[in-house]
Amino acid sequence: MSYGAVIFDFGGVLTTNLDNSARAFAQECGLPDDAYLHAVTVHPEGRRLYAELELGNINQDTWNAGIAELIGIDGTDLMRRALSTLRPEPLLVEAVRAIRRAGLKTAVLSNSMGTSPFNPYEPWELTANHDMVVLSEQVRLRKPDPRIYQLALEGLGLQGPDCIFVDDIATNLPPAQALGITTIHATDPTRTVQQLRGLLGLSLTDSHSTQETR
């Protein structure tokens, strides 16, 4: 099957593991390892705050203050501090380059972590390195709302079966599948690249990668 684009989630796909960064931040604050992670992914108020941030209904400063109150720490610039150990995932960064060199499009579809006062996306230069970037706060929709996947397809000028979508959160995959998009659950960078290689017929680590005969 021939594809025209690969759509990537940001955190935990193009970056190193978000849970590991969350645990490192908790340790830095002198908290139990999973304290911050629990606050943002399990605690009802923390989950609500994150959803509101992703939709652009609250700003990052409000989120910082709310999460800090839940775990009893100073909220000053909390998002920046919490993501201080996040780094590009080298295998996926190189895969993106190889995919684009082969003439395919790439896009980023991310539930936003806010962009002000701290913009976690800025070091990645996403608009320069991808054909399209969709951040949930900018379109006021968040995964797994089917409409945000449709926006990505429309921006790429492609249909669902023309695309692959890569995300580390399993619940974000079914709406993409319903649109005919092939999905990859990103649980390990090496495995993710292997799956992309198998679907695209590309060598995703060679700087001279070209489309292979299928």
N, C-alpha and C. Protein backbone atom coordinates (compact mmCIF):
# COMPACT_ATOMS: atom_id res chain seq x y z
N MET A 1 0.84 -1.19 0.00
CA MET A 1 0.00 0.00 0.00
C MET A 1 0.88 1.25 0.00
N SER A 2 0.47 2.26 -0.78
CA SER A 2 1.24 3.48 -0.88
C SER A 2 0.67 4.54 0.05
N TYR A 3 1.53 5.24 0.78
CA TYR A 3 1.11 6.29 1.69
C TYR A 3 1.66 7.63 1.23
N GLY A 4 0.94 8.69 1.63
CA GLY A 4 1.37 10.03 1.27
C GLY A 4 1.91 10.83 2.43
N ALA A 5 1.58 10.41 3.68
CA ALA A 5 2.01 11.19 4.84
C ALA A 5 2.01 10.34 6.09
N VAL A 6 2.84 10.77 7.04
CA VAL A 6 2.83 10.19 8.38
C VAL A 6 2.56 11.33 9.36
N ILE A 7 1.58 11.11 10.24
CA ILE A 7 1.19 12.10 11.25
C ILE A 7 1.72 11.61 12.59
N PHE A 8 2.50 12.46 13.27
CA PHE A 8 3.13 12.08 14.52
C PHE A 8 2.54 12.86 15.70
N ASP A 9 2.30 12.15 16.79
CA ASP A 9 2.10 12.82 18.07
C ASP A 9 3.45 13.43 18.47
N PHE A 10 3.40 14.38 19.40
CA PHE A 10 4.64 15.04 19.84
C PHE A 10 5.23 14.35 21.07
N GLY A 11 4.66 14.61 22.25
CA GLY A 11 5.22 14.10 23.49
C GLY A 11 5.19 12.58 23.58
N GLY A 12 6.33 11.97 23.80
CA GLY A 12 6.41 10.52 23.92
C GLY A 12 6.58 9.81 22.59
N VAL A 13 6.56 10.56 21.49
CA VAL A 13 6.81 9.98 20.17
C VAL A 13 8.04 10.66 19.55
N LEU A 14 7.93 11.95 19.26
CA LEU A 14 9.07 12.70 18.76
C LEU A 14 10.03 13.08 19.89
N THR A 15 9.55 12.91 21.13
CA THR A 15 10.38 13.20 22.30
C THR A 15 10.65 11.92 23.09
N THR A 16 11.53 12.05 24.06
CA THR A 16 11.75 10.97 25.00
C THR A 16 10.49 10.78 25.85
N ASN A 17 10.48 9.75 26.66
CA ASN A 17 9.30 9.34 27.41
C ASN A 17 8.84 10.40 28.41
N LEU A 18 7.57 10.80 28.30
CA LEU A 18 7.02 11.82 29.19
C LEU A 18 6.91 11.34 30.63
N ASP A 19 6.58 10.07 30.82
CA ASP A 19 6.45 9.55 32.18
C ASP A 19 7.79 9.61 32.91
N ASN A 20 8.87 9.33 32.18
CA ASN A 20 10.20 9.39 32.80
C ASN A 20 10.53 10.82 33.22
N SER A 21 10.14 11.79 32.39
CA SER A 21 10.37 13.19 32.75
C SER A 21 9.54 13.57 33.98
N ALA A 22 8.31 13.05 34.04
CA ALA A 22 7.45 13.34 35.18
C ALA A 22 8.05 12.79 36.47
N ARG A 23 8.61 11.60 36.41
CA ARG A 23 9.22 11.01 37.60
C ARG A 23 10.48 11.75 38.01
N ALA A 24 11.26 12.17 37.02
CA ALA A 24 12.48 12.92 37.32
C ALA A 24 12.13 14.25 38.00
N PHE A 25 11.06 14.87 37.55
CA PHE A 25 10.63 16.14 38.14
C PHE A 25 10.18 15.93 39.58
N ALA A 26 9.42 14.87 39.82
CA ALA A 26 8.97 14.59 41.19
C ALA A 26 10.15 14.37 42.12
N GLN A 27 11.14 13.64 41.65
CA GLN A 27 12.33 13.40 42.46
C GLN A 27 13.05 14.71 42.76
N GLU A 28 13.14 15.58 41.75
CA GLU A 28 13.80 16.87 41.94
C GLU A 28 13.09 17.71 43.00
N CYS A 29 11.76 17.55 43.08
CA CYS A 29 10.96 18.30 44.05
C CYS A 29 10.92 17.63 45.42
N GLY A 30 11.55 16.47 45.55
CA GLY A 30 11.53 15.74 46.80
C GLY A 30 10.22 15.04 47.07
N LEU A 31 9.48 14.72 46.00
CA LEU A 31 8.19 14.05 46.11
C LEU A 31 8.34 12.57 45.77
N PRO A 32 7.35 11.74 46.13
CA PRO A 32 7.36 10.36 45.65
C PRO A 32 7.42 10.33 44.12
N ASP A 33 8.05 9.31 43.57
CA ASP A 33 8.32 9.26 42.13
C ASP A 33 7.10 9.54 41.26
N ASP A 34 5.94 9.01 41.66
CA ASP A 34 4.76 9.11 40.80
C ASP A 34 3.81 10.24 41.22
N ALA A 35 4.24 11.13 42.12
CA ALA A 35 3.35 12.16 42.64
C ALA A 35 2.86 13.11 41.55
N TYR A 36 3.79 13.61 40.75
CA TYR A 36 3.41 14.55 39.68
C TYR A 36 2.61 13.83 38.60
N LEU A 37 3.06 12.64 38.22
CA LEU A 37 2.36 11.87 37.19
C LEU A 37 0.93 11.56 37.62
N HIS A 38 0.75 11.20 38.87
CA HIS A 38 -0.59 10.93 39.39
C HIS A 38 -1.46 12.19 39.33
N ALA A 39 -0.85 13.33 39.67
CA ALA A 39 -1.62 14.58 39.68
C ALA A 39 -2.15 14.94 38.31
N VAL A 40 -1.38 14.70 37.26
CA VAL A 40 -1.81 15.15 35.93
C VAL A 40 -2.55 14.08 35.12
N THR A 41 -2.43 12.81 35.51
CA THR A 41 -3.07 11.76 34.71
C THR A 41 -4.15 10.98 35.44
N VAL A 42 -4.20 11.07 36.78
CA VAL A 42 -5.16 10.27 37.54
C VAL A 42 -6.10 11.15 38.36
N HIS A 43 -5.56 12.11 39.08
CA HIS A 43 -6.39 12.96 39.93
C HIS A 43 -7.45 13.68 39.09
N PRO A 44 -8.72 13.62 39.47
CA PRO A 44 -9.80 14.23 38.65
C PRO A 44 -9.57 15.70 38.35
N GLU A 45 -9.13 16.47 39.34
CA GLU A 45 -8.90 17.90 39.10
C GLU A 45 -7.70 18.12 38.19
N GLY A 46 -6.68 17.31 38.35
CA GLY A 46 -5.52 17.42 37.47
C GLY A 46 -5.87 17.08 36.03
N ARG A 47 -6.67 16.04 35.85
CA ARG A 47 -7.12 15.66 34.51
C ARG A 47 -7.98 16.77 33.89
N ARG A 48 -8.83 17.38 34.71
CA ARG A 48 -9.68 18.46 34.21
C ARG A 48 -8.83 19.65 33.77
N LEU A 49 -7.84 19.99 34.60
CA LEU A 49 -6.98 21.11 34.26
C LEU A 49 -6.21 20.85 32.96
N TYR A 50 -5.74 19.62 32.80
CA TYR A 50 -4.98 19.32 31.58
C TYR A 50 -5.89 19.40 30.35
N ALA A 51 -7.10 18.89 30.47
CA ALA A 51 -8.05 18.96 29.36
C ALA A 51 -8.35 20.42 29.00
N GLU A 52 -8.52 21.25 30.01
CA GLU A 52 -8.81 22.66 29.76
C GLU A 52 -7.61 23.36 29.11
N LEU A 53 -6.41 23.00 29.53
CA LEU A 53 -5.20 23.56 28.92
C LEU A 53 -5.10 23.13 27.45
N GLU A 54 -5.35 21.85 27.21
CA GLU A 54 -5.27 21.32 25.85
C GLU A 54 -6.25 22.01 24.92
N LEU A 55 -7.41 22.37 25.44
CA LEU A 55 -8.43 23.03 24.62
C LEU A 55 -8.23 24.53 24.51
N GLY A 56 -7.27 25.07 25.23
CA GLY A 56 -7.05 26.50 25.21
C GLY A 56 -8.03 27.28 26.06
N ASN A 57 -8.73 26.57 26.96
CA ASN A 57 -9.72 27.23 27.82
C ASN A 57 -9.07 27.90 29.03
N ILE A 58 -7.88 27.45 29.40
CA ILE A 58 -7.09 28.12 30.45
C ILE A 58 -5.68 28.30 29.91
N ASN A 59 -4.96 29.24 30.51
CA ASN A 59 -3.58 29.45 30.06
C ASN A 59 -2.62 28.63 30.92
N GLN A 60 -1.38 28.63 30.53
CA GLN A 60 -0.37 27.82 31.22
C GLN A 60 -0.16 28.28 32.66
N ASP A 61 -0.25 29.58 32.90
CA ASP A 61 -0.09 30.08 34.27
C ASP A 61 -1.16 29.52 35.19
N THR A 62 -2.40 29.46 34.71
CA THR A 62 -3.50 28.90 35.52
C THR A 62 -3.26 27.42 35.77
N TRP A 63 -2.81 26.73 34.74
CA TRP A 63 -2.50 25.29 34.89
C TRP A 63 -1.38 25.10 35.90
N ASN A 64 -0.32 25.90 35.78
CA ASN A 64 0.81 25.80 36.70
C ASN A 64 0.35 25.92 38.15
N ALA A 65 -0.48 26.93 38.40
CA ALA A 65 -0.95 27.18 39.77
C ALA A 65 -1.82 26.04 40.27
N GLY A 66 -2.70 25.53 39.42
CA GLY A 66 -3.61 24.46 39.82
C GLY A 66 -2.90 23.16 40.13
N ILE A 67 -1.97 22.78 39.28
CA ILE A 67 -1.22 21.53 39.50
C ILE A 67 -0.32 21.67 40.73
N ALA A 68 0.30 22.83 40.88
CA ALA A 68 1.16 23.05 42.04
C ALA A 68 0.39 22.91 43.34
N GLU A 69 -0.84 23.40 43.36
CA GLU A 69 -1.66 23.29 44.56
C GLU A 69 -1.97 21.83 44.87
N LEU A 70 -2.20 21.03 43.84
CA LEU A 70 -2.52 19.62 44.06
C LEU A 70 -1.38 18.86 44.71
N ILE A 71 -0.15 19.21 44.36
CA ILE A 71 0.99 18.44 44.88
C ILE A 71 1.82 19.20 45.91
N GLY A 72 1.39 20.44 46.21
CA GLY A 72 2.01 21.18 47.29
C GLY A 72 3.40 21.71 47.02
N ILE A 73 3.59 22.27 45.80
CA ILE A 73 4.89 22.84 45.47
C ILE A 73 4.69 24.24 44.90
N ASP A 74 5.79 24.94 44.69
CA ASP A 74 5.76 26.25 44.05
C ASP A 74 5.38 26.08 42.58
N GLY A 75 4.41 26.85 42.11
CA GLY A 75 3.95 26.71 40.73
C GLY A 75 4.67 27.57 39.72
N THR A 76 5.66 28.32 40.13
CA THR A 76 6.36 29.22 39.21
C THR A 76 6.99 28.43 38.05
N ASP A 77 6.54 28.76 36.83
CA ASP A 77 7.11 28.14 35.62
C ASP A 77 7.08 26.62 35.68
N LEU A 78 6.02 26.07 36.25
CA LEU A 78 5.98 24.64 36.53
C LEU A 78 6.12 23.78 35.27
N MET A 79 5.43 24.15 34.18
CA MET A 79 5.51 23.33 32.98
C MET A 79 6.94 23.24 32.46
N ARG A 80 7.64 24.34 32.44
CA ARG A 80 9.04 24.31 31.99
C ARG A 80 9.87 23.39 32.89
N ARG A 81 9.70 23.51 34.19
CA ARG A 81 10.47 22.69 35.12
C ARG A 81 10.13 21.21 34.96
N ALA A 82 8.85 20.93 34.77
CA ALA A 82 8.42 19.53 34.66
C ALA A 82 8.95 18.86 33.40
N LEU A 83 9.20 19.65 32.36
CA LEU A 83 9.67 19.10 31.08
C LEU A 83 11.17 19.32 30.86
N SER A 84 11.88 19.69 31.90
CA SER A 84 13.29 20.07 31.74
C SER A 84 14.16 18.92 31.25
N THR A 85 13.77 17.67 31.47
CA THR A 85 14.58 16.54 31.02
C THR A 85 14.10 15.96 29.70
N LEU A 86 13.04 16.56 29.11
CA LEU A 86 12.52 16.05 27.84
C LEU A 86 13.50 16.36 26.72
N ARG A 87 13.75 15.38 25.88
CA ARG A 87 14.71 15.53 24.78
C ARG A 87 14.12 14.97 23.48
N PRO A 88 14.67 15.35 22.34
CA PRO A 88 14.25 14.72 21.09
C PRO A 88 14.55 13.22 21.13
N GLU A 89 13.68 12.42 20.55
CA GLU A 89 13.92 10.98 20.42
C GLU A 89 14.68 10.76 19.11
N PRO A 90 15.97 10.45 19.17
CA PRO A 90 16.81 10.45 17.96
C PRO A 90 16.30 9.56 16.84
N LEU A 91 15.82 8.36 17.16
CA LEU A 91 15.38 7.45 16.11
C LEU A 91 14.19 8.01 15.33
N LEU A 92 13.29 8.67 16.05
CA LEU A 92 12.11 9.21 15.38
C LEU A 92 12.44 10.49 14.62
N VAL A 93 13.34 11.29 15.16
CA VAL A 93 13.75 12.51 14.45
C VAL A 93 14.39 12.15 13.12
N GLU A 94 15.25 11.14 13.12
CA GLU A 94 15.88 10.69 11.88
C GLU A 94 14.85 10.06 10.94
N ALA A 95 13.88 9.34 11.50
CA ALA A 95 12.84 8.75 10.67
C ALA A 95 12.04 9.83 9.94
N VAL A 96 11.72 10.91 10.65
CA VAL A 96 11.00 12.02 10.02
C VAL A 96 11.80 12.57 8.85
N ARG A 97 13.09 12.79 9.07
CA ARG A 97 13.93 13.32 8.00
C ARG A 97 13.93 12.39 6.78
N ALA A 98 14.05 11.08 7.04
CA ALA A 98 14.09 10.12 5.95
C ALA A 98 12.76 10.07 5.20
N ILE A 99 11.67 10.16 5.94
CA ILE A 99 10.34 10.15 5.30
C ILE A 99 10.18 11.36 4.38
N ARG A 100 10.61 12.51 4.84
CA ARG A 100 10.49 13.72 4.01
C ARG A 100 11.45 13.68 2.82
N ARG A 101 12.63 13.14 3.02
CA ARG A 101 13.57 13.02 1.90
C ARG A 101 13.00 12.13 0.80
N ALA A 102 12.19 11.15 1.21
CA ALA A 102 11.60 10.23 0.25
C ALA A 102 10.41 10.85 -0.48
N GLY A 103 10.06 12.08 -0.12
CA GLY A 103 8.99 12.77 -0.83
C GLY A 103 7.63 12.67 -0.18
N LEU A 104 7.54 12.08 1.01
CA LEU A 104 6.27 12.00 1.72
C LEU A 104 6.14 13.20 2.66
N LYS A 105 4.91 13.52 3.03
CA LYS A 105 4.66 14.59 3.97
C LYS A 105 4.70 14.06 5.40
N THR A 106 5.01 14.95 6.34
CA THR A 106 4.86 14.62 7.75
C THR A 106 4.09 15.75 8.43
N ALA A 107 3.39 15.38 9.50
CA ALA A 107 2.63 16.35 10.28
C ALA A 107 2.76 16.01 11.75
N VAL A 108 2.52 17.01 12.59
CA VAL A 108 2.47 16.81 14.04
C VAL A 108 1.06 17.12 14.50
N LEU A 109 0.47 16.20 15.25
CA LEU A 109 -0.87 16.36 15.81
C LEU A 109 -0.76 16.16 17.32
N SER A 110 -0.81 17.25 18.07
CA SER A 110 -0.49 17.19 19.50
C SER A 110 -1.57 17.84 20.35
N ASN A 111 -1.93 17.16 21.43
CA ASN A 111 -2.70 17.81 22.48
C ASN A 111 -1.76 18.74 23.22
N SER A 112 -2.05 20.02 23.18
CA SER A 112 -1.10 21.05 23.58
C SER A 112 -0.79 21.03 25.07
N MET A 113 0.45 21.36 25.37
CA MET A 113 0.89 21.57 26.74
C MET A 113 0.99 23.06 27.06
N GLY A 114 0.36 23.87 26.21
CA GLY A 114 0.45 25.32 26.34
C GLY A 114 1.68 25.83 25.64
N THR A 115 1.67 27.10 25.28
CA THR A 115 2.81 27.68 24.57
C THR A 115 3.32 28.98 25.20
N SER A 116 2.68 29.42 26.28
CA SER A 116 3.10 30.66 26.93
C SER A 116 2.79 30.60 28.43
N PRO A 117 3.74 30.98 29.26
CA PRO A 117 5.02 31.63 28.95
C PRO A 117 6.12 30.69 28.46
N PHE A 118 5.90 29.39 28.58
CA PHE A 118 6.90 28.41 28.13
C PHE A 118 6.34 27.68 26.93
N ASN A 119 7.11 27.67 25.85
CA ASN A 119 6.70 26.95 24.64
C ASN A 119 7.54 25.69 24.49
N PRO A 120 6.99 24.52 24.87
CA PRO A 120 7.78 23.29 24.80
C PRO A 120 8.09 22.85 23.38
N TYR A 121 7.37 23.40 22.40
CA TYR A 121 7.57 22.99 21.01
C TYR A 121 8.69 23.75 20.31
N GLU A 122 9.05 24.91 20.84
CA GLU A 122 9.97 25.81 20.14
C GLU A 122 11.30 25.17 19.77
N PRO A 123 11.97 24.43 20.68
CA PRO A 123 13.28 23.87 20.31
C PRO A 123 13.22 22.87 19.16
N TRP A 124 12.04 22.29 18.94
CA TRP A 124 11.91 21.27 17.89
C TRP A 124 11.71 21.87 16.50
N GLU A 125 11.44 23.17 16.41
CA GLU A 125 11.23 23.85 15.13
C GLU A 125 10.26 23.05 14.25
N LEU A 126 9.09 22.77 14.81
CA LEU A 126 8.13 21.87 14.15
C LEU A 126 7.67 22.38 12.80
N THR A 127 7.40 23.67 12.70
CA THR A 127 6.89 24.17 11.41
C THR A 127 7.95 24.09 10.32
N ALA A 128 9.21 24.15 10.69
CA ALA A 128 10.28 24.04 9.69
C ALA A 128 10.53 22.58 9.30
N ASN A 129 10.23 21.67 10.20
CA ASN A 129 10.58 20.27 9.98
C ASN A 129 9.41 19.37 9.59
N HIS A 130 8.22 19.96 9.49
CA HIS A 130 7.04 19.20 9.10
C HIS A 130 6.19 20.02 8.15
N ASP A 131 5.36 19.34 7.39
CA ASP A 131 4.50 20.03 6.43
C ASP A 131 3.32 20.71 7.11
N MET A 132 2.93 20.22 8.28
CA MET A 132 1.80 20.81 8.98
C MET A 132 1.91 20.49 10.46
N VAL A 133 1.45 21.43 11.29
CA VAL A 133 1.41 21.24 12.74
C VAL A 133 0.02 21.60 13.23
N VAL A 134 -0.62 20.69 13.95
CA VAL A 134 -1.93 20.94 14.55
C VAL A 134 -1.79 20.81 16.07
N LEU A 135 -1.92 21.94 16.77
CA LEU A 135 -1.90 21.94 18.23
C LEU A 135 -3.33 22.15 18.72
N SER A 136 -3.73 21.35 19.67
CA SER A 136 -5.14 21.33 20.09
C SER A 136 -5.63 22.69 20.58
N GLU A 137 -4.79 23.43 21.31
CA GLU A 137 -5.24 24.71 21.85
C GLU A 137 -5.54 25.72 20.74
N GLN A 138 -4.89 25.57 19.59
CA GLN A 138 -5.08 26.51 18.50
C GLN A 138 -6.36 26.24 17.72
N VAL A 139 -6.81 24.99 17.71
CA VAL A 139 -8.03 24.64 16.97
C VAL A 139 -9.20 24.36 17.90
N ARG A 140 -8.95 24.42 19.21
CA ARG A 140 -9.97 24.22 20.25
C ARG A 140 -10.64 22.86 20.16
N LEU A 141 -9.85 21.90 19.77
CA LEU A 141 -10.25 20.49 19.75
C LEU A 141 -9.08 19.68 20.26
N ARG A 142 -9.37 18.54 20.89
CA ARG A 142 -8.29 17.70 21.40
C ARG A 142 -8.55 16.24 21.06
N LYS A 143 -7.45 15.51 20.86
CA LYS A 143 -7.59 14.06 20.69
C LYS A 143 -8.21 13.48 21.96
N PRO A 144 -9.13 12.54 21.85
CA PRO A 144 -9.51 11.77 20.66
C PRO A 144 -10.76 12.26 19.92
N ASP A 145 -11.05 13.55 19.94
CA ASP A 145 -12.17 14.07 19.17
C ASP A 145 -11.92 13.81 17.68
N PRO A 146 -12.81 13.09 16.99
CA PRO A 146 -12.58 12.76 15.58
C PRO A 146 -12.35 13.98 14.69
N ARG A 147 -12.87 15.13 15.09
CA ARG A 147 -12.76 16.31 14.24
C ARG A 147 -11.32 16.80 14.09
N ILE A 148 -10.49 16.57 15.09
CA ILE A 148 -9.12 17.06 14.98
C ILE A 148 -8.31 16.21 14.00
N TYR A 149 -8.63 14.94 13.87
CA TYR A 149 -7.97 14.09 12.88
C TYR A 149 -8.39 14.51 11.47
N GLN A 150 -9.67 14.85 11.33
CA GLN A 150 -10.17 15.30 10.04
C GLN A 150 -9.49 16.61 9.63
N LEU A 151 -9.27 17.50 10.60
CA LEU A 151 -8.55 18.74 10.30
C LEU A 151 -7.14 18.46 9.77
N ALA A 152 -6.49 17.48 10.39
CA ALA A 152 -5.14 17.12 9.94
C ALA A 152 -5.16 16.61 8.50
N LEU A 153 -6.12 15.77 8.20
CA LEU A 153 -6.23 15.24 6.83
C LEU A 153 -6.49 16.36 5.83
N GLU A 154 -7.39 17.26 6.20
CA GLU A 154 -7.71 18.36 5.29
C GLU A 154 -6.49 19.25 5.06
N GLY A 155 -5.73 19.49 6.13
CA GLY A 155 -4.53 20.32 5.99
C GLY A 155 -3.48 19.68 5.10
N LEU A 156 -3.41 18.36 5.14
CA LEU A 156 -2.46 17.64 4.31
C LEU A 156 -2.97 17.45 2.88
N GLY A 157 -4.27 17.64 2.69
CA GLY A 157 -4.87 17.42 1.37
C GLY A 157 -4.93 15.95 1.01
N LEU A 158 -5.12 15.09 2.03
CA LEU A 158 -5.12 13.64 1.82
C LEU A 158 -6.33 13.00 2.47
N GLN A 159 -6.60 11.77 2.08
CA GLN A 159 -7.66 10.97 2.69
C GLN A 159 -7.06 10.05 3.75
N GLY A 160 -7.92 9.52 4.63
CA GLY A 160 -7.45 8.65 5.70
C GLY A 160 -6.54 7.52 5.24
N PRO A 161 -6.93 6.75 4.23
CA PRO A 161 -6.10 5.61 3.81
C PRO A 161 -4.73 6.01 3.26
N ASP A 162 -4.55 7.31 3.00
CA ASP A 162 -3.25 7.78 2.50
C ASP A 162 -2.24 8.01 3.63
N CYS A 163 -2.70 7.89 4.89
CA CYS A 163 -1.88 8.36 6.02
C CYS A 163 -1.64 7.28 7.07
N ILE A 164 -0.56 7.49 7.82
CA ILE A 164 -0.22 6.71 9.01
C ILE A 164 -0.22 7.68 10.18
N PHE A 165 -0.74 7.24 11.32
CA PHE A 165 -0.75 8.07 12.52
C PHE A 165 -0.03 7.33 13.64
N VAL A 166 0.91 8.02 14.31
CA VAL A 166 1.72 7.41 15.36
C VAL A 166 1.46 8.15 16.68
N ASP A 167 1.02 7.42 17.70
CA ASP A 167 0.72 8.03 19.00
C ASP A 167 1.06 7.05 20.10
N ASP A 168 1.52 7.57 21.24
CA ASP A 168 1.88 6.69 22.36
C ASP A 168 0.70 6.39 23.27
N ILE A 169 -0.45 7.03 23.05
CA ILE A 169 -1.64 6.80 23.88
C ILE A 169 -2.65 6.00 23.06
N ALA A 170 -2.95 4.80 23.51
CA ALA A 170 -3.78 3.87 22.73
C ALA A 170 -5.17 4.43 22.44
N THR A 171 -5.74 5.17 23.40
CA THR A 171 -7.11 5.68 23.21
C THR A 171 -7.19 6.75 22.12
N ASN A 172 -6.05 7.26 21.68
CA ASN A 172 -6.07 8.24 20.59
C ASN A 172 -6.09 7.60 19.21
N LEU A 173 -5.97 6.28 19.15
CA LEU A 173 -5.86 5.61 17.86
C LEU A 173 -7.21 5.27 17.19
N PRO A 174 -8.24 4.79 17.93
CA PRO A 174 -9.48 4.39 17.25
C PRO A 174 -10.13 5.46 16.37
N PRO A 175 -10.18 6.75 16.77
CA PRO A 175 -10.79 7.73 15.88
C PRO A 175 -10.04 7.86 14.55
N ALA A 176 -8.73 7.72 14.59
CA ALA A 176 -7.95 7.75 13.36
C ALA A 176 -8.27 6.53 12.50
N GLN A 177 -8.36 5.38 13.14
CA GLN A 177 -8.69 4.16 12.41
C GLN A 177 -10.05 4.26 11.75
N ALA A 178 -11.00 4.91 12.41
CA ALA A 178 -12.34 5.07 11.85
C ALA A 178 -12.34 5.90 10.57
N LEU A 179 -11.32 6.73 10.40
CA LEU A 179 -11.18 7.52 9.17
C LEU A 179 -10.35 6.81 8.11
N GLY A 180 -9.96 5.57 8.39
CA GLY A 180 -9.18 4.79 7.44
C GLY A 180 -7.69 4.98 7.56
N ILE A 181 -7.26 5.70 8.60
CA ILE A 181 -5.83 5.94 8.82
C ILE A 181 -5.19 4.70 9.43
N THR A 182 -4.05 4.29 8.92
CA THR A 182 -3.28 3.21 9.54
C THR A 182 -2.60 3.76 10.79
N THR A 183 -2.67 3.02 11.90
CA THR A 183 -2.13 3.54 13.15
C THR A 183 -1.00 2.68 13.70
N ILE A 184 -0.13 3.34 14.44
CA ILE A 184 0.95 2.67 15.17
C ILE A 184 0.89 3.15 16.61
N HIS A 185 0.82 2.19 17.55
CA HIS A 185 0.89 2.53 18.97
C HIS A 185 2.36 2.56 19.35
N ALA A 186 2.87 3.75 19.63
CA ALA A 186 4.30 3.94 19.88
C ALA A 186 4.62 3.61 21.33
N THR A 187 5.13 2.42 21.56
CA THR A 187 5.50 2.00 22.91
C THR A 187 7.01 1.93 23.10
N ASP A 188 7.75 1.91 22.00
CA ASP A 188 9.21 1.81 22.04
C ASP A 188 9.75 2.39 20.74
N PRO A 189 10.71 3.30 20.78
CA PRO A 189 11.18 3.95 19.56
C PRO A 189 11.69 2.97 18.49
N THR A 190 12.45 1.97 18.91
CA THR A 190 12.97 1.02 17.93
C THR A 190 11.84 0.27 17.24
N ARG A 191 10.87 -0.16 18.03
CA ARG A 191 9.73 -0.88 17.47
C ARG A 191 8.91 0.03 16.56
N THR A 192 8.74 1.27 16.95
CA THR A 192 7.98 2.21 16.13
C THR A 192 8.63 2.40 14.77
N VAL A 193 9.94 2.58 14.75
CA VAL A 193 10.65 2.76 13.49
C VAL A 193 10.57 1.50 12.64
N GLN A 194 10.65 0.33 13.29
CA GLN A 194 10.51 -0.92 12.54
C GLN A 194 9.13 -1.01 11.87
N GLN A 195 8.09 -0.61 12.60
CA GLN A 195 6.75 -0.65 12.03
C GLN A 195 6.60 0.34 10.88
N LEU A 196 7.15 1.53 11.04
CA LEU A 196 7.12 2.50 9.96
C LEU A 196 7.87 1.98 8.74
N ARG A 197 9.01 1.39 8.97
CA ARG A 197 9.82 0.85 7.87
C ARG A 197 9.02 -0.21 7.11
N GLY A 198 8.34 -1.07 7.86
CA GLY A 198 7.57 -2.13 7.22
C GLY A 198 6.41 -1.58 6.40
N LEU A 199 5.76 -0.54 6.89
CA LEU A 199 4.61 0.03 6.17
C LEU A 199 5.04 0.86 4.96
N LEU A 200 6.14 1.60 5.10
CA LEU A 200 6.54 2.54 4.06
C LEU A 200 7.51 1.95 3.04
N GLY A 201 8.18 0.87 3.42
CA GLY A 201 9.20 0.34 2.52
C GLY A 201 10.39 1.26 2.39
N LEU A 202 10.73 1.93 3.50
CA LEU A 202 11.84 2.87 3.50
C LEU A 202 12.89 2.44 4.51
N SER A 203 14.15 2.76 4.21
CA SER A 203 15.19 2.65 5.22
C SER A 203 15.20 3.95 5.99
N LEU A 204 14.85 3.92 7.26
CA LEU A 204 14.62 5.14 8.00
C LEU A 204 15.80 5.60 8.85
N THR A 205 16.95 5.03 8.62
CA THR A 205 18.15 5.47 9.33
C THR A 205 19.26 5.88 8.38
N ASP A 206 19.15 5.50 7.12
CA ASP A 206 20.18 5.82 6.13
C ASP A 206 19.92 7.22 5.56
N SER A 207 20.89 8.08 5.59
CA SER A 207 20.71 9.45 5.11
C SER A 207 20.40 9.52 3.62
N HIS A 208 20.61 8.41 2.90
CA HIS A 208 20.29 8.39 1.49
C HIS A 208 19.09 7.48 1.22
N SER A 209 18.18 7.34 2.20
CA SER A 209 17.05 6.43 2.08
C SER A 209 16.19 6.80 0.89
N THR A 210 15.74 5.79 0.19
CA THR A 210 14.87 5.97 -0.97
C THR A 210 13.77 4.93 -0.90
N GLN A 211 12.71 5.15 -1.68
CA GLN A 211 11.60 4.20 -1.71
C GLN A 211 12.08 2.88 -2.27
N GLU A 212 11.79 1.80 -1.57
CA GLU A 212 12.17 0.48 -2.03
C GLU A 212 11.08 -0.08 -2.92
N THR A 213 11.45 -0.98 -3.77
CA THR A 213 10.45 -1.66 -4.60
C THR A 213 9.60 -2.55 -3.74
N ARG A 214 8.28 -2.45 -3.91
CA ARG A 214 7.37 -3.22 -3.11
C ARG A 214 6.63 -4.20 -3.99
